[in-house]
C-alpha atoms as a PDB file:
ATOM      1  CA  MET A   1    -143.828  30.241 -87.199  1.00  0.00           C
ATOM      2  CA  LYS A   2    -140.038  30.096 -87.226  1.00  0.00           C
ATOM      3  CA  LYS A   3    -137.899  29.579 -84.174  1.00  0.00           C
ATOM      4  CA  PRO A   4    -135.691  32.499 -83.241  1.00  0.00           C
ATOM      5  CA  ALA A   5    -132.194  32.068 -84.661  1.00  0.00           C
ATOM      6  CA  LYS A   6    -129.462  31.022 -82.271  1.00  0.00           C
ATOM      7  CA  PRO A   7    -126.843  33.670 -81.689  1.00  0.00           C
ATOM      8  CA  LEU A   8    -123.728  33.200 -83.800  1.00  0.00           C
ATOM      9  CA  ARG A   9    -121.529  33.700 -80.795  1.00  0.00           C
ATOM     10  CA  MET A  10    -121.905  31.916 -77.484  1.00  0.00           C
ATOM     11  CA  PRO A  11    -121.852  34.044 -74.343  1.00  0.00           C
ATOM     12  CA  PRO A  12    -118.661  33.723 -72.274  1.00  0.00           C
ATOM     13  CA  LYS A  13    -118.725  31.006 -69.632  1.00  0.00           C
ATOM     14  CA  THR A  14    -116.786  33.128 -67.176  1.00  0.00           C
ATOM     15  CA  THR A  15    -116.942  36.759 -66.261  1.00  0.00           C
ATOM     16  CA  SER A  16    -114.073  39.072 -67.052  1.00  0.00           C
ATOM     17  CA  SER A  17    -113.176  39.327 -63.354  1.00  0.00           C
ATOM     18  CA  GLU A  18    -112.970  35.520 -63.123  1.00  0.00           C
ATOM     19  CA  ARG A  19    -110.701  35.471 -66.193  1.00  0.00           C
ATOM     20  CA  ASP A  20    -108.554  38.237 -64.715  1.00  0.00           C
ATOM     21  CA  GLU A  21    -108.208  36.320 -61.452  1.00  0.00           C
ATOM     22  CA  ALA A  22    -107.314  33.137 -63.330  1.00  0.00           C
ATOM     23  CA  LEU A  23    -104.694  34.979 -65.411  1.00  0.00           C
ATOM     24  CA  ASP A  24    -103.218  36.603 -62.312  1.00  0.00           C
ATOM     25  CA  ALA A  25    -102.994  33.221 -60.583  1.00  0.00           C
ATOM     26  CA  PHE A  26    -101.336  31.715 -63.654  1.00  0.00           C
ATOM     27  CA  ALA A  27     -98.833  34.570 -63.941  1.00  0.00           C
ATOM     28  CA  ALA A  28     -98.025  34.416 -60.231  1.00  0.00           C
ATOM     29  CA  GLY A  29     -97.053  30.770 -60.624  1.00  0.00           C
ATOM     30  CA  ALA A  30     -94.772  31.412 -63.595  1.00  0.00           C
ATOM     31  CA  ASP A  31     -91.064  30.984 -62.950  1.00  0.00           C
ATOM     32  CA  TYR A  32     -88.355  32.701 -64.968  1.00  0.00           C
ATOM     33  CA  PRO A  33     -85.383  30.324 -65.398  1.00  0.00           C
ATOM     34  CA  SER A  34     -82.217  31.651 -63.827  1.00  0.00           C
ATOM     35  CA  LYS A  35     -78.598  31.058 -64.818  1.00  0.00           C
ATOM     36  CA  GLU A  36     -78.125  28.871 -61.747  1.00  0.00           C
ATOM     37  CA  ASN A  37     -81.030  26.627 -62.758  1.00  0.00           C
ATOM     38  CA  THR A  38     -79.844  26.054 -66.313  1.00  0.00           C
ATOM     39  CA  GLY A  39     -76.088  25.995 -65.853  1.00  0.00           C
ATOM     40  CA  GLU A  40     -75.765  27.997 -69.079  1.00  0.00           C
ATOM     41  CA  SER A  41     -73.997  31.314 -69.414  1.00  0.00           C
ATOM     42  CA  SER A  42     -74.723  32.409 -72.981  1.00  0.00           C
ATOM     43  CA  ALA A  43     -76.867  35.427 -73.758  1.00  0.00           C
ATOM     44  CA  GLY A  44     -79.685  33.139 -74.849  1.00  0.00           C
ATOM     45  CA  SER A  45     -79.800  31.310 -71.566  1.00  0.00           C
ATOM     46  CA  ARG A  46     -79.608  34.582 -69.621  1.00  0.00           C
ATOM     47  CA  ARG A  47     -82.858  35.491 -71.344  1.00  0.00           C
ATOM     48  CA  GLY A  48     -84.407  32.205 -70.286  1.00  0.00           C
ATOM     49  CA  LEU A  49     -84.197  30.631 -73.733  1.00  0.00           C
ATOM     50  CA  ASN A  50     -83.763  26.908 -74.143  1.00  0.00           C
ATOM     51  CA  ILE A  51     -80.942  26.950 -76.679  1.00  0.00           C
ATOM     52  CA  LYS A  52     -80.433  23.197 -76.505  1.00  0.00           C
ATOM     53  CA  ASP A  53     -83.732  22.531 -78.301  1.00  0.00           C
ATOM     54  CA  LEU A  54     -83.766  24.936 -81.232  1.00  0.00           C
ATOM     55  CA  PRO A  55     -86.826  24.055 -83.327  1.00  0.00           C
ATOM     56  CA  TRP A  56     -85.074  24.354 -86.686  1.00  0.00           C
ATOM     57  CA  GLU A  57     -82.461  21.793 -85.560  1.00  0.00           C
ATOM     58  CA  ALA A  58     -85.036  19.168 -84.579  1.00  0.00           C
ATOM     59  CA  PRO A  59     -84.911  15.795 -86.303  1.00  0.00           C
ATOM     60  CA  GLY A  60     -87.330  15.641 -89.179  1.00  0.00           C
ATOM     61  CA  VAL A  61     -86.995  19.313 -90.153  1.00  0.00           C
ATOM     62  CA  ARG A  62     -86.299  19.385 -93.873  1.00  0.00           C
ATOM     63  CA  LYS A  63     -84.798  22.149 -96.002  1.00  0.00           C
ATOM     64  CA  ASP A  64     -86.830  21.062 -99.019  1.00  0.00           C
ATOM     65  CA  VAL A  65     -90.165  21.698 -97.274  1.00  0.00           C
ATOM     66  CA  ILE A  66     -91.429  25.207 -97.985  1.00  0.00           C
ATOM     67  CA  LYS A  67     -93.854  26.764 -95.511  1.00  0.00           C
ATOM     68  CA  SER A  68     -96.234  29.572 -96.433  1.00  0.00           C
ATOM     69  CA  TYR A  69     -96.907  32.613 -94.313  1.00  0.00           C
ATOM     70  CA  ALA A  70     -99.452  35.295 -95.161  1.00  0.00           C
ATOM     71  CA  LEU A  71     -97.785  38.676 -94.845  1.00  0.00           C
ATOM     72  CA  ARG A  72     -99.952  41.690 -94.109  1.00  0.00           C
ATOM     73  CA  ILE A  73     -98.357  44.970 -95.151  1.00  0.00           C
ATOM     74  CA  PRO A  74     -99.696  48.476 -95.784  1.00  0.00           C
ATOM     75  CA  GLU A  75    -100.691  49.239 -99.357  1.00  0.00           C
ATOM     76  CA  PRO A  76     -97.839  51.727 -99.996  1.00  0.00           C
ATOM     77  CA  MET A  77     -95.292  49.100 -98.940  1.00  0.00           C
ATOM     78  CA  TYR A  78     -96.982  46.517-101.162  1.00  0.00           C
ATOM     79  CA  LEU A  79     -96.813  48.881-104.130  1.00  0.00           C
ATOM     80  CA  LYS A  80     -93.129  49.573-103.441  1.00  0.00           C
ATOM     81  CA  LEU A  81     -92.466  45.837-103.309  1.00  0.00           C
ATOM     82  CA  LYS A  82     -94.358  45.349-106.565  1.00  0.00           C
ATOM     83  CA  PHE A  83     -92.314  48.147-108.159  1.00  0.00           C
ATOM     84  CA  ILE A  84     -89.074  46.437-107.082  1.00  0.00           C
ATOM     85  CA  ALA A  85     -90.275  43.138-108.533  1.00  0.00           C
ATOM     86  CA  GLU A  86     -91.199  44.766-111.834  1.00  0.00           C
ATOM     87  CA  ASN A  87     -87.850  46.566-112.165  1.00  0.00           C
ATOM     88  CA  THR A  88     -85.347  43.999-110.868  1.00  0.00           C
ATOM     89  CA  PRO A  89     -84.725  40.290-111.355  1.00  0.00           C
ATOM     90  CA  TYR A  90     -86.458  39.639-108.011  1.00  0.00           C
ATOM     91  CA  SER A  91     -89.971  38.341-107.670  1.00  0.00           C
ATOM     92  CA  MET A  92     -91.930  39.761-104.749  1.00  0.00           C
ATOM     93  CA  ASN A  93     -91.523  36.492-102.874  1.00  0.00           C
ATOM     94  CA  SER A  94     -87.801  36.049-103.595  1.00  0.00           C
ATOM     95  CA  PHE A  95     -87.092  39.627-102.483  1.00  0.00           C
ATOM     96  CA  ILE A  96     -88.934  39.165 -99.189  1.00  0.00           C
ATOM     97  CA  SER A  97     -87.399  35.717 -98.632  1.00  0.00           C
ATOM     98  CA  GLU A  98     -83.846  36.989 -99.119  1.00  0.00           C
ATOM     99  CA  LYS A  99     -84.290  40.066 -96.933  1.00  0.00           C
ATOM    100  CA  ILE A 100     -86.114  38.237 -94.146  1.00  0.00           C
ATOM    101  CA  ALA A 101     -83.475  35.474 -94.101  1.00  0.00           C
ATOM    102  CA  GLU A 102     -80.777  38.099 -93.447  1.00  0.00           C
ATOM    103  CA  ALA A 103     -82.841  39.732 -90.694  1.00  0.00           C
ATOM    104  CA  ILE A 104     -83.630  36.379 -89.064  1.00  0.00           C
ATOM    105  CA  GLU A 105     -79.943  35.401 -88.902  1.00  0.00           C
ATOM    106  CA  GLU A 106     -79.010  38.808 -87.429  1.00  0.00           C
ATOM    107  CA  ASP A 107     -81.725  38.583 -84.780  1.00  0.00           C
ATOM    108  CA  LEU A 108     -80.778  35.005 -83.919  1.00  0.00           C
ATOM    109  CA  ALA A 109     -77.172  36.080 -83.409  1.00  0.00           C
ATOM    110  CA  LEU A 110     -78.348  38.795 -81.010  1.00  0.00           C
ATOM    111  CA  LEU A 111     -80.888  36.581 -79.306  1.00  0.00           C
ATOM    112  CA  LEU A 112     -78.552  33.644 -78.819  1.00  0.00           C
ATOM    113  CA  GLY A 113     -75.520  35.801 -78.050  1.00  0.00           C
ATOM    114  CA  ARG A 114     -73.335  34.279 -80.724  1.00  0.00           C
ATOM    115  CA  GLN A 115     -72.907  34.193 -84.466  1.00  0.00           C
ATOM    116  CA  TYR A 116     -75.400  31.568 -85.488  1.00  0.00           C
ATOM    117  CA  PRO A 117     -74.488  29.796 -88.716  1.00  0.00           C
ATOM    118  CA  SER A 118     -77.117  30.122 -91.391  1.00  0.00           C
ATOM    119  CA  GLY A 119     -78.402  26.962 -92.897  1.00  0.00           C
END
């Protein structure tokens, strides 16, 4: 006689009300940095961003290291992208990389409140 199979998923250790209380307590203790606390006056610091420690400017970050990211898009958009790749010099990846780089720089300029140099 076989033993009954163990469930694939363990039951939660806490109830949802305990989790809700814990999340509320955590959120109540959160502090939004103010301009007075940081001494900064740029748009980025007004939003509570730490613009002194930008992750892409950290030591050890290399331009020659390529990171992968799985992009999930609706099928019609995928087919449009494939059509562009088949009818232009772009590959699907080079098209997305170029367009996303432009969008990232624009959003960084807005987020940080200044024209951020690409690089």
